[in-house]
Amino acid sequence: MDAVALGGLEGKGLPKVLQNFVDDTADLQTSAFVAAYACTAHFVRSSDNKQEKVNKVQVQSVAPFKKFIQSYRDYLNSLQLWNVRADFDVS
């Protein structure tokens, strides 16, 4: 059984860990969910700091995770699983 161990979602090395996990296991779904959670956690922390506007630094910090999320969305579209993709988008 393969697994990915995460020490935290704030580390700059997380995209590389996720990419290695995908390369080793071909499990795009897990990486997409972790990436989506990491993006959400980043913006929740920013809003807790009373920053109302999303600035370029925030967007750039989540940019590496977007490829995992978009790849998974494209994969679901290719399988015509639009309801599953919509559920993923909402969650």
Protein backbone atom coordinates (compact mmCIF):
# COMPACT_ATOMS: atom_id res chain seq x y z
CA MET A 1 0.00 0.00 0.00
CA ASP A 2 1.34 3.41 -0.97
CA ALA A 3 0.79 6.54 1.07
CA VAL A 4 1.82 10.15 1.18
CA ALA A 5 2.85 11.63 4.52
CA LEU A 6 2.39 15.35 4.90
CA GLY A 7 4.06 17.34 7.64
CA GLY A 8 2.12 20.49 6.91
CA LEU A 9 0.41 22.39 4.16
CA GLU A 10 2.49 25.52 4.52
CA GLY A 11 5.76 24.11 3.27
CA LYS A 12 7.10 25.31 -0.05
CA GLY A 13 8.11 21.73 -0.85
CA LEU A 14 4.54 20.41 -0.88
CA PRO A 15 4.06 20.73 -4.67
CA LYS A 16 7.21 18.66 -5.21
CA VAL A 17 6.00 16.04 -2.72
CA LEU A 18 2.66 15.87 -4.51
CA GLN A 19 4.36 15.58 -7.91
CA ASN A 20 6.57 12.74 -6.65
CA PHE A 21 3.48 11.03 -5.24
CA VAL A 22 1.70 11.29 -8.60
CA ASP A 23 4.79 10.05 -10.43
CA ASP A 24 5.11 7.04 -8.12
CA THR A 25 1.44 6.07 -7.78
CA ALA A 26 -0.44 7.79 -10.66
CA ASP A 27 -2.96 8.88 -8.02
CA LEU A 28 -4.04 12.27 -9.30
CA GLN A 29 -7.23 12.36 -7.22
CA THR A 30 -5.46 12.38 -3.85
CA SER A 31 -3.02 15.04 -5.01
CA ALA A 32 -5.85 17.22 -6.32
CA PHE A 33 -7.75 17.02 -3.03
CA VAL A 34 -4.61 17.82 -1.01
CA ALA A 35 -3.80 20.72 -3.35
CA ALA A 36 -7.35 22.08 -3.08
CA TYR A 37 -7.20 21.83 0.70
CA ALA A 38 -3.80 23.57 0.77
CA CYS A 39 -5.15 26.45 -1.35
CA THR A 40 -8.20 26.81 0.86
CA ALA A 41 -6.11 26.71 4.02
CA HIS A 42 -3.82 29.40 2.62
CA PHE A 43 -6.68 31.80 1.91
CA VAL A 44 -8.39 31.11 5.24
CA ARG A 45 -5.14 31.99 7.05
CA SER A 46 -4.91 35.19 5.00
CA SER A 47 -8.47 36.21 5.85
CA ASP A 48 -7.78 35.53 9.54
CA ASN A 49 -5.02 38.13 9.29
CA LYS A 50 -7.63 40.70 8.22
CA GLN A 51 -6.34 40.95 4.68
CA GLU A 52 -9.43 41.62 2.61
CA LYS A 53 -7.82 41.84 -0.82
CA VAL A 54 -6.16 38.93 -2.55
CA ASN A 55 -2.76 40.15 -3.66
CA LYS A 56 -0.33 38.84 -6.26
CA VAL A 57 1.84 37.12 -3.64
CA GLN A 58 -1.12 35.07 -2.44
CA VAL A 59 -2.06 34.05 -5.97
CA GLN A 60 1.54 33.11 -6.80
CA SER A 61 1.85 31.02 -3.65
CA VAL A 62 -1.06 28.79 -4.70
CA ALA A 63 -0.14 28.69 -8.40
CA PRO A 64 1.87 25.42 -8.12
CA PHE A 65 -1.23 23.66 -6.77
CA LYS A 66 -3.44 24.78 -9.64
CA LYS A 67 -1.94 22.25 -12.04
CA PHE A 68 -3.01 19.34 -9.84
CA ILE A 69 -6.52 20.73 -9.49
CA GLN A 70 -6.91 21.54 -13.18
CA SER A 71 -5.45 18.19 -14.27
CA TYR A 72 -7.96 16.34 -12.12
CA ARG A 73 -10.83 18.50 -13.45
CA ASP A 74 -9.71 17.79 -17.03
CA TYR A 75 -9.49 14.07 -16.27
CA LEU A 76 -13.04 14.02 -14.90
CA ASN A 77 -14.24 15.93 -17.96
CA SER A 78 -12.56 13.42 -20.29
CA LEU A 79 -14.52 10.64 -18.56
CA GLN A 80 -17.70 12.72 -18.86
CA LEU A 81 -18.07 12.74 -15.09
CA TRP A 82 -19.43 16.27 -14.96
CA ASN A 83 -21.45 15.71 -11.79
CA VAL A 84 -18.38 14.43 -9.96
CA ARG A 85 -16.36 17.37 -11.29
CA ALA A 86 -19.05 19.79 -10.14
CA ASP A 87 -19.02 18.21 -6.66
CA PHE A 88 -15.23 18.58 -6.57
CA ASP A 89 -15.46 22.21 -7.64
CA VAL A 90 -18.02 22.99 -4.97
CA SER A 91 -16.12 21.20 -2.22
